[in-house]
Amino acid sequence: MRPSAMSSLRTVVLLLLIGLVSTALAANENHSVPQGVQRPLDIHLAVRILNVLKIDETAGEAALVIEVEQRWRDPSLVFDAIKAGGERQDFAGSDAATKLASIWTPALVIENQVNDSRLQLEAVAIHADGGVVLTRRLEGSYRFSKDLSAFPFDRQRLPLSFVSQYFSADDLVFINDDRDRQLSPMPGALSASDWTASGLNFKTQQFYGWSAKPFARLTVELDVARKWPRYFLRIFVPFIAVLSVSLFILWAPTGLIGDKAGTTYSALLALAALSFTFEASFPGSMSVTSPIAFMISIGYFYLILALLIDLFIESRGLPGRQHYPYLSAEVRKSVRTTLPALFCIICMCMTLRSLV
């Protein structure tokens, strides 16, 4: 190889090494808390949940549009407001991305994020005293722990769990004071039409990460309640229609509806089909002690009990039938109101328990 070629190759390799070293130094600088501030550095965090696009309770995922505002102070960014011609410097879009690449940031991430969120807006404001305000608007899907034990009167908690990607609790902590909470309003109408927002909660805690270091976590939870009246026609009307067979069994005169046993077994099969339909439409709703699952379970027992009582009343072996010819009619008159009333009271108590 010619000496000139060897020299050119060495120059290229040297430039590459210099670039790698510079990148490593810059990365190390961005991964160090700013000098001249008390540790741990306070990171004020305000989270605005702008909209809930979709809630998939069966998969435990929710699509949200959120706006995250981070505030901290970096003495290295102090500038003369008179010379700069303003108390604040604003950057947005590509300018904000360029500025963020050159300054220190808390490297905030959302733990329960399903995939990369779509960045809708990014803006940075730097104040003359070194105060930094970073605002990001994101749209993405986030995991939550579903709880269908009260379906269809259930409430779900949609969390957003914020942690720092690099810095432990010795370096920074998250602060959420009264001002931050005022900047974190609860959304009004949601795009997820079957749900309504009922509360917004903030919780700070520590957890142990790499090398058993403590890390700070701020969790924002949006409480949403299901609009259960929308499910009345889909769930309760078919359920009531199937169980109305018991009224025919207890109230209809003998011979009016033919074989009562066959009618009851048909109702039992219809109730089983209804249960499978609910489970297919709302996976998980029948595998827990939800109100509708409980009512369907005792519905089987109620239908069979109504049939057995009717057969017992009509049986010639009814005790006292020979001496009291009107006994079976009086027993039927009492049972046909008492039994359905007891069943309705039990169902109402289970429903009220879920609503409280």
Protein backbone atom coordinates (compact mmCIF):
# COMPACT_ATOMS: atom_id res chain seq x y z
CA MET A 1 0.00 0.00 0.00
CA ARG A 2 1.29 3.45 -0.85
CA PRO A 3 2.42 5.72 2.01
CA SER A 4 -0.13 8.37 0.98
CA ALA A 5 -2.95 5.81 1.19
CA MET A 6 -1.73 4.64 4.61
CA SER A 7 -1.65 8.23 5.82
CA SER A 8 -5.21 8.86 4.59
CA LEU A 9 -6.46 5.71 6.29
CA ARG A 10 -4.83 6.70 9.57
CA THR A 11 -6.42 10.15 9.32
CA VAL A 12 -9.89 8.66 8.80
CA VAL A 13 -9.45 6.25 11.74
CA LEU A 14 -8.21 9.09 13.94
CA LEU A 15 -11.20 11.26 13.05
CA LEU A 16 -13.58 8.40 13.83
CA LEU A 17 -11.94 7.86 17.22
CA ILE A 18 -12.16 11.57 18.00
CA GLY A 19 -15.86 11.55 17.06
CA LEU A 20 -16.57 8.54 19.27
CA VAL A 21 -14.73 10.06 22.22
CA SER A 22 -16.59 13.37 21.77
CA THR A 23 -19.93 11.55 21.63
CA ALA A 24 -19.10 9.58 24.76
CA LEU A 25 -18.06 12.74 26.61
CA ALA A 26 -21.25 14.50 25.55
CA ALA A 27 -23.37 11.55 26.61
CA ASN A 28 -21.56 11.39 29.95
CA GLU A 29 -22.15 15.12 30.43
CA ASN A 30 -25.88 14.76 29.69
CA HIS A 31 -26.04 11.87 32.16
CA SER A 32 -24.68 13.99 35.02
CA VAL A 33 -26.84 16.21 37.20
CA PRO A 34 -26.15 19.94 36.58
CA GLN A 35 -23.47 21.43 38.80
CA GLY A 36 -24.27 24.09 41.38
CA VAL A 37 -27.64 22.63 42.46
CA GLN A 38 -28.57 20.83 45.63
CA ARG A 39 -28.97 17.08 45.21
CA PRO A 40 -31.38 15.51 44.75
CA LEU A 41 -32.62 17.90 42.09
CA ASP A 42 -36.33 18.72 42.27
CA ILE A 43 -38.20 17.89 39.05
CA HIS A 44 -41.69 19.37 39.08
CA LEU A 45 -44.06 17.28 37.01
CA ALA A 46 -47.50 18.29 35.76
CA VAL A 47 -49.50 15.79 33.71
CA ARG A 48 -52.55 16.79 31.71
CA ILE A 49 -54.65 13.92 30.38
CA LEU A 50 -56.29 15.63 27.43
CA ASN A 51 -58.36 12.73 26.15
CA VAL A 52 -59.01 9.01 26.46
CA LEU A 53 -59.36 7.70 22.93
CA LYS A 54 -60.05 4.04 23.67
CA ILE A 55 -60.21 1.66 26.61
CA ASP A 56 -59.73 -2.03 25.89
CA GLU A 57 -60.55 -3.53 29.28
CA THR A 58 -60.17 -7.10 28.00
CA ALA A 59 -56.54 -6.49 26.95
CA GLY A 60 -55.79 -4.02 29.75
CA GLU A 61 -54.72 -1.20 27.41
CA ALA A 62 -55.86 2.39 27.07
CA ALA A 63 -55.09 4.90 24.30
CA LEU A 64 -54.48 8.36 25.77
CA VAL A 65 -53.50 11.84 24.65
CA ILE A 66 -51.41 13.44 27.38
CA GLU A 67 -49.35 16.56 27.90
CA VAL A 68 -46.35 16.28 30.23
CA GLU A 69 -44.74 19.40 31.64
CA GLN A 70 -41.36 19.08 33.38
CA ARG A 71 -39.76 21.96 35.30
CA TRP A 72 -36.30 22.17 36.84
CA ARG A 73 -33.45 24.63 37.31
CA ASP A 74 -30.05 24.40 35.59
CA PRO A 75 -27.52 27.10 36.68
CA SER A 76 -25.46 26.54 33.54
CA LEU A 77 -28.33 27.99 31.45
CA VAL A 78 -28.51 31.35 33.28
CA PHE A 79 -28.34 34.30 30.87
CA ASP A 80 -28.59 38.09 30.96
CA ALA A 81 -32.18 39.00 30.21
CA ILE A 82 -31.24 42.55 29.16
CA LYS A 83 -28.67 41.39 26.62
CA ALA A 84 -30.96 38.63 25.38
CA GLY A 85 -33.82 41.08 25.01
CA GLY A 86 -36.24 38.96 26.99
CA GLU A 87 -36.80 37.07 30.21
CA ARG A 88 -37.39 33.78 28.38
CA GLN A 89 -36.14 31.91 25.37
CA ASP A 90 -38.68 29.68 23.60
CA PHE A 91 -37.96 26.76 21.30
CA ALA A 92 -40.49 24.56 19.51
CA GLY A 93 -40.51 21.73 17.00
CA SER A 94 -37.11 20.93 15.48
CA ASP A 95 -35.53 23.85 17.35
CA ALA A 96 -36.66 22.31 20.64
CA ALA A 97 -35.18 18.93 19.66
CA THR A 98 -31.87 20.57 18.79
CA LYS A 99 -31.81 22.52 22.06
CA LEU A 100 -32.66 19.45 24.13
CA ALA A 101 -29.76 17.58 22.57
CA SER A 102 -27.35 20.18 23.98
CA ILE A 103 -28.69 20.53 27.55
CA TRP A 104 -29.32 18.26 30.51
CA THR A 105 -32.78 16.65 30.85
CA PRO A 106 -34.22 14.22 33.42
CA ALA A 107 -34.55 11.50 30.72
CA LEU A 108 -38.15 10.83 31.66
CA VAL A 109 -39.87 7.64 30.47
CA ILE A 110 -43.31 6.09 31.06
CA GLU A 111 -42.94 2.56 32.43
CA ASN A 112 -46.31 1.17 31.39
CA GLN A 113 -46.09 2.40 27.81
CA VAL A 114 -47.02 -0.30 25.30
CA ASN A 115 -45.06 1.08 22.36
CA ASP A 116 -43.37 4.30 21.28
CA SER A 117 -45.75 7.21 21.74
CA ARG A 118 -46.40 9.54 18.85
CA LEU A 119 -44.96 12.97 19.62
CA GLN A 120 -47.50 15.63 18.67
CA LEU A 121 -45.81 18.67 20.19
CA GLU A 122 -42.51 19.51 21.87
CA ALA A 123 -41.54 22.89 23.31
CA VAL A 124 -38.81 24.19 25.61
CA ALA A 125 -38.74 27.45 27.53
CA ILE A 126 -35.53 28.59 29.26
CA HIS A 127 -35.78 31.42 31.78
CA ALA A 128 -33.05 33.90 32.66
CA ASP A 129 -32.58 32.37 36.14
CA GLY A 130 -31.85 28.96 34.60
CA GLY A 131 -35.36 27.60 34.96
CA VAL A 132 -36.32 25.09 32.25
CA VAL A 133 -39.85 24.13 31.23
CA LEU A 134 -40.12 21.14 28.89
CA THR A 135 -43.57 20.36 27.47
CA ARG A 136 -44.40 17.30 25.41
CA ARG A 137 -47.76 16.22 24.00
CA LEU A 138 -47.92 12.48 23.40
CA GLU A 139 -50.43 10.01 22.02
CA GLY A 140 -49.95 6.35 22.79
CA SER A 141 -51.22 3.18 24.43
CA TYR A 142 -50.56 2.34 28.06
CA ARG A 143 -51.11 -0.80 30.11
CA PHE A 144 -53.32 -0.95 33.19
CA SER A 145 -54.43 -3.66 35.60
CA LYS A 146 -58.00 -4.49 34.67
CA ASP A 147 -60.56 -5.30 37.33
CA LEU A 148 -63.87 -6.69 36.07
CA SER A 149 -65.11 -7.91 39.44
CA ALA A 150 -67.90 -5.30 39.41
CA PHE A 151 -68.81 -5.56 35.70
CA PRO A 152 -70.85 -3.80 34.32
CA PHE A 153 -70.66 -1.35 37.25
CA ASP A 154 -66.89 -1.42 37.30
CA ARG A 155 -64.35 1.38 37.58
CA GLN A 156 -60.90 1.20 36.06
CA ARG A 157 -57.71 3.03 37.00
CA LEU A 158 -55.56 4.18 34.10
CA PRO A 159 -52.04 4.83 35.44
CA LEU A 160 -49.11 6.71 33.93
CA SER A 161 -45.93 5.72 35.75
CA PHE A 162 -43.06 8.21 35.27
CA VAL A 163 -39.45 7.33 36.10
CA SER A 164 -36.03 8.63 35.11
CA GLN A 165 -34.17 6.45 32.66
CA TYR A 166 -30.70 7.14 34.11
CA PHE A 167 -30.86 8.99 37.42
CA SER A 168 -31.49 7.49 40.84
CA ALA A 169 -33.29 9.10 43.76
CA ASP A 170 -29.92 10.40 44.98
CA ASP A 171 -29.77 12.57 41.85
CA LEU A 172 -33.38 13.68 41.39
CA VAL A 173 -36.85 13.36 42.84
CA PHE A 174 -40.27 14.15 41.39
CA ILE A 175 -42.34 16.90 42.97
CA ASN A 176 -46.06 17.39 42.53
CA ASP A 177 -47.25 20.34 44.61
CA ASP A 178 -50.47 22.37 44.56
CA ARG A 179 -49.38 24.37 41.53
CA ASP A 180 -48.53 21.22 39.59
CA ARG A 181 -51.93 19.75 40.42
CA GLN A 182 -53.66 22.90 39.25
CA LEU A 183 -51.80 22.48 35.98
CA SER A 184 -53.05 18.86 35.78
CA PRO A 185 -56.79 19.10 35.14
CA MET A 186 -59.07 16.11 34.66
CA PRO A 187 -60.53 15.67 31.15
CA GLY A 188 -64.21 16.35 30.57
CA ALA A 189 -65.89 14.40 27.79
CA LEU A 190 -63.92 11.36 26.62
CA SER A 191 -63.71 9.91 23.12
CA ALA A 192 -64.20 6.51 24.78
CA SER A 193 -67.98 6.94 24.83
CA ASP A 194 -68.74 4.13 27.28
CA TRP A 195 -66.67 5.74 30.04
CA THR A 196 -66.61 8.91 32.12
CA ALA A 197 -63.71 10.38 34.12
CA SER A 198 -64.33 10.42 37.86
CA GLY A 199 -61.02 11.39 39.48
CA LEU A 200 -57.30 12.09 39.10
CA ASN A 201 -54.78 10.89 41.70
CA PHE A 202 -51.03 11.43 42.16
CA LYS A 203 -48.71 9.11 44.02
CA THR A 204 -44.94 9.25 44.59
CA GLN A 205 -42.86 6.29 45.68
CA GLN A 206 -39.41 4.74 45.49
CA PHE A 207 -38.30 1.47 43.99
CA TYR A 208 -34.96 -0.29 43.66
CA GLY A 209 -33.35 -0.58 40.25
CA TRP A 210 -29.88 -1.43 38.98
CA SER A 211 -27.26 -2.20 41.68
CA ALA A 212 -30.01 -1.88 44.31
CA LYS A 213 -30.14 1.89 43.84
CA PRO A 214 -33.35 3.66 44.85
CA PHE A 215 -35.21 5.38 42.03
CA ALA A 216 -38.09 7.85 42.21
CA ARG A 217 -41.45 7.18 40.59
CA LEU A 218 -44.47 9.42 40.10
CA THR A 219 -47.72 7.70 39.18
CA VAL A 220 -50.72 9.59 37.83
CA GLU A 221 -53.98 7.61 37.89
CA LEU A 222 -57.13 8.56 36.05
CA ASP A 223 -60.23 6.92 37.50
CA VAL A 224 -62.88 6.13 34.90
CA ALA A 225 -66.36 4.71 35.52
CA ARG A 226 -68.30 2.62 33.04
CA LYS A 227 -71.62 4.06 31.86
CA TRP A 228 -73.60 0.99 32.88
CA PRO A 229 -77.03 2.17 31.55
CA ARG A 230 -75.62 1.64 28.04
CA TYR A 231 -75.33 -2.09 28.87
CA PHE A 232 -78.88 -2.49 30.16
CA LEU A 233 -80.38 -3.55 26.83
CA ARG A 234 -77.45 -5.80 25.97
CA ILE A 235 -77.18 -7.61 29.31
CA PHE A 236 -80.10 -7.23 31.68
CA VAL A 237 -83.03 -7.35 29.25
CA PRO A 238 -82.05 -10.79 27.81
CA PHE A 239 -81.35 -12.03 31.35
CA ILE A 240 -84.77 -10.89 32.60
CA ALA A 241 -86.45 -12.36 29.53
CA VAL A 242 -84.95 -15.81 30.17
CA LEU A 243 -85.81 -15.83 33.87
CA SER A 244 -89.37 -14.70 33.20
CA VAL A 245 -90.03 -18.37 32.44
CA SER A 246 -90.22 -18.89 36.20
CA LEU A 247 -93.28 -16.63 36.35
CA PHE A 248 -95.08 -18.81 33.82
CA ILE A 249 -94.14 -21.89 35.82
CA LEU A 250 -95.42 -20.47 39.11
CA TRP A 251 -98.41 -18.48 37.86
CA ALA A 252 -99.76 -20.32 34.82
CA PRO A 253 -102.61 -22.80 35.41
CA THR A 254 -101.90 -26.45 34.83
CA GLY A 255 -101.79 -27.35 31.14
CA LEU A 256 -101.48 -23.78 29.87
CA ILE A 257 -97.84 -23.97 28.76
CA GLY A 258 -97.57 -27.73 28.29
CA ASP A 259 -94.57 -29.54 29.74
CA LYS A 260 -93.12 -27.23 32.43
CA ALA A 261 -90.03 -29.41 32.83
CA GLY A 262 -89.16 -29.08 29.14
CA THR A 263 -89.76 -25.34 29.28
CA THR A 264 -87.44 -25.04 32.30
CA TYR A 265 -84.66 -27.02 30.63
CA SER A 266 -84.97 -24.80 27.56
CA ALA A 267 -84.60 -21.74 29.81
CA LEU A 268 -81.53 -23.27 31.45
CA LEU A 269 -79.93 -23.82 28.04
CA ALA A 270 -80.80 -20.26 27.05
CA LEU A 271 -79.19 -18.99 30.27
CA ALA A 272 -76.04 -21.00 29.51
CA ALA A 273 -75.94 -19.60 25.97
CA LEU A 274 -76.38 -16.11 27.41
CA SER A 275 -73.42 -16.67 29.72
CA PHE A 276 -71.19 -17.77 26.82
CA THR A 277 -72.34 -14.74 24.80
CA PHE A 278 -71.41 -12.35 27.60
CA GLU A 279 -68.01 -14.00 28.00
CA ALA A 280 -67.36 -13.75 24.26
CA SER A 281 -68.42 -10.11 24.12
CA PHE A 282 -66.70 -9.08 27.38
CA PRO A 283 -63.87 -11.56 28.06
CA GLY A 284 -63.24 -12.02 31.76
CA SER A 285 -66.65 -10.78 32.90
CA MET A 286 -67.96 -14.29 33.62
CA SER A 287 -64.79 -15.70 35.17
CA VAL A 288 -64.92 -13.42 38.22
CA THR A 289 -67.51 -12.68 40.88
CA SER A 290 -69.10 -9.86 38.91
CA PRO A 291 -72.77 -9.03 39.57
CA ILE A 292 -73.97 -10.42 36.25
CA ALA A 293 -71.93 -13.62 36.72
CA PHE A 294 -73.38 -14.04 40.21
CA MET A 295 -76.95 -13.45 39.00
CA ILE A 296 -76.57 -15.97 36.17
CA SER A 297 -75.14 -18.52 38.63
CA ILE A 298 -78.05 -18.27 41.05
CA GLY A 299 -80.41 -18.05 38.04
CA TYR A 300 -79.79 -21.75 37.34
CA PHE A 301 -80.69 -22.63 40.91
CA TYR A 302 -83.73 -20.32 40.86
CA LEU A 303 -85.22 -21.91 37.72
CA ILE A 304 -84.74 -25.44 39.00
CA LEU A 305 -86.16 -24.50 42.41
CA ALA A 306 -89.24 -22.94 40.79
CA LEU A 307 -89.83 -26.14 38.79
CA LEU A 308 -89.37 -28.39 41.84
CA ILE A 309 -91.76 -26.29 43.93
CA ASP A 310 -94.37 -26.40 41.17
CA LEU A 311 -94.05 -30.19 40.87
CA PHE A 312 -94.31 -30.55 44.63
CA ILE A 313 -97.45 -28.40 44.79
CA GLU A 314 -99.11 -30.36 42.00
CA SER A 315 -98.07 -33.71 43.42
CA ARG A 316 -100.76 -35.91 44.85
CA GLY A 317 -98.44 -36.70 47.71
CA LEU A 318 -98.56 -33.14 49.06
CA PRO A 319 -99.05 -33.50 52.86
CA GLY A 320 -102.55 -32.41 53.88
CA ARG A 321 -104.02 -32.44 50.38
CA GLN A 322 -106.75 -34.93 51.32
CA HIS A 323 -107.93 -33.01 54.39
CA TYR A 324 -107.39 -29.51 52.99
CA PRO A 325 -108.44 -29.36 49.32
CA TYR A 326 -107.48 -25.69 48.98
CA LEU A 327 -104.00 -26.12 50.46
CA SER A 328 -102.13 -26.39 47.14
CA ALA A 329 -103.82 -23.24 45.81
CA GLU A 330 -102.88 -21.27 48.95
CA VAL A 331 -99.30 -22.54 48.86
CA ARG A 332 -98.97 -21.58 45.19
CA LYS A 333 -100.44 -18.14 45.89
CA SER A 334 -97.78 -17.56 48.53
CA VAL A 335 -94.81 -19.06 46.68
CA ARG A 336 -95.41 -17.38 43.32
CA THR A 337 -94.85 -13.96 44.88
CA THR A 338 -92.34 -14.82 47.61
CA LEU A 339 -89.84 -16.75 45.47
CA PRO A 340 -89.46 -14.17 42.65
CA ALA A 341 -89.33 -11.37 45.25
CA LEU A 342 -86.47 -13.09 47.13
CA PHE A 343 -84.56 -13.59 43.89
CA CYS A 344 -85.02 -9.93 42.91
CA ILE A 345 -83.90 -8.73 46.37
CA ILE A 346 -80.73 -10.83 46.18
CA CYS A 347 -79.93 -9.46 42.70
CA MET A 348 -80.60 -5.87 43.79
CA CYS A 349 -78.38 -6.25 46.87
CA MET A 350 -75.55 -7.55 44.68
CA THR A 351 -76.02 -4.66 42.26
CA LEU A 352 -76.09 -2.02 44.99
CA ARG A 353 -72.97 -3.51 46.52
CA SER A 354 -71.14 -3.00 43.22
CA LEU A 355 -72.42 0.56 42.80
CA VAL A 356 -71.21 1.67 46.24
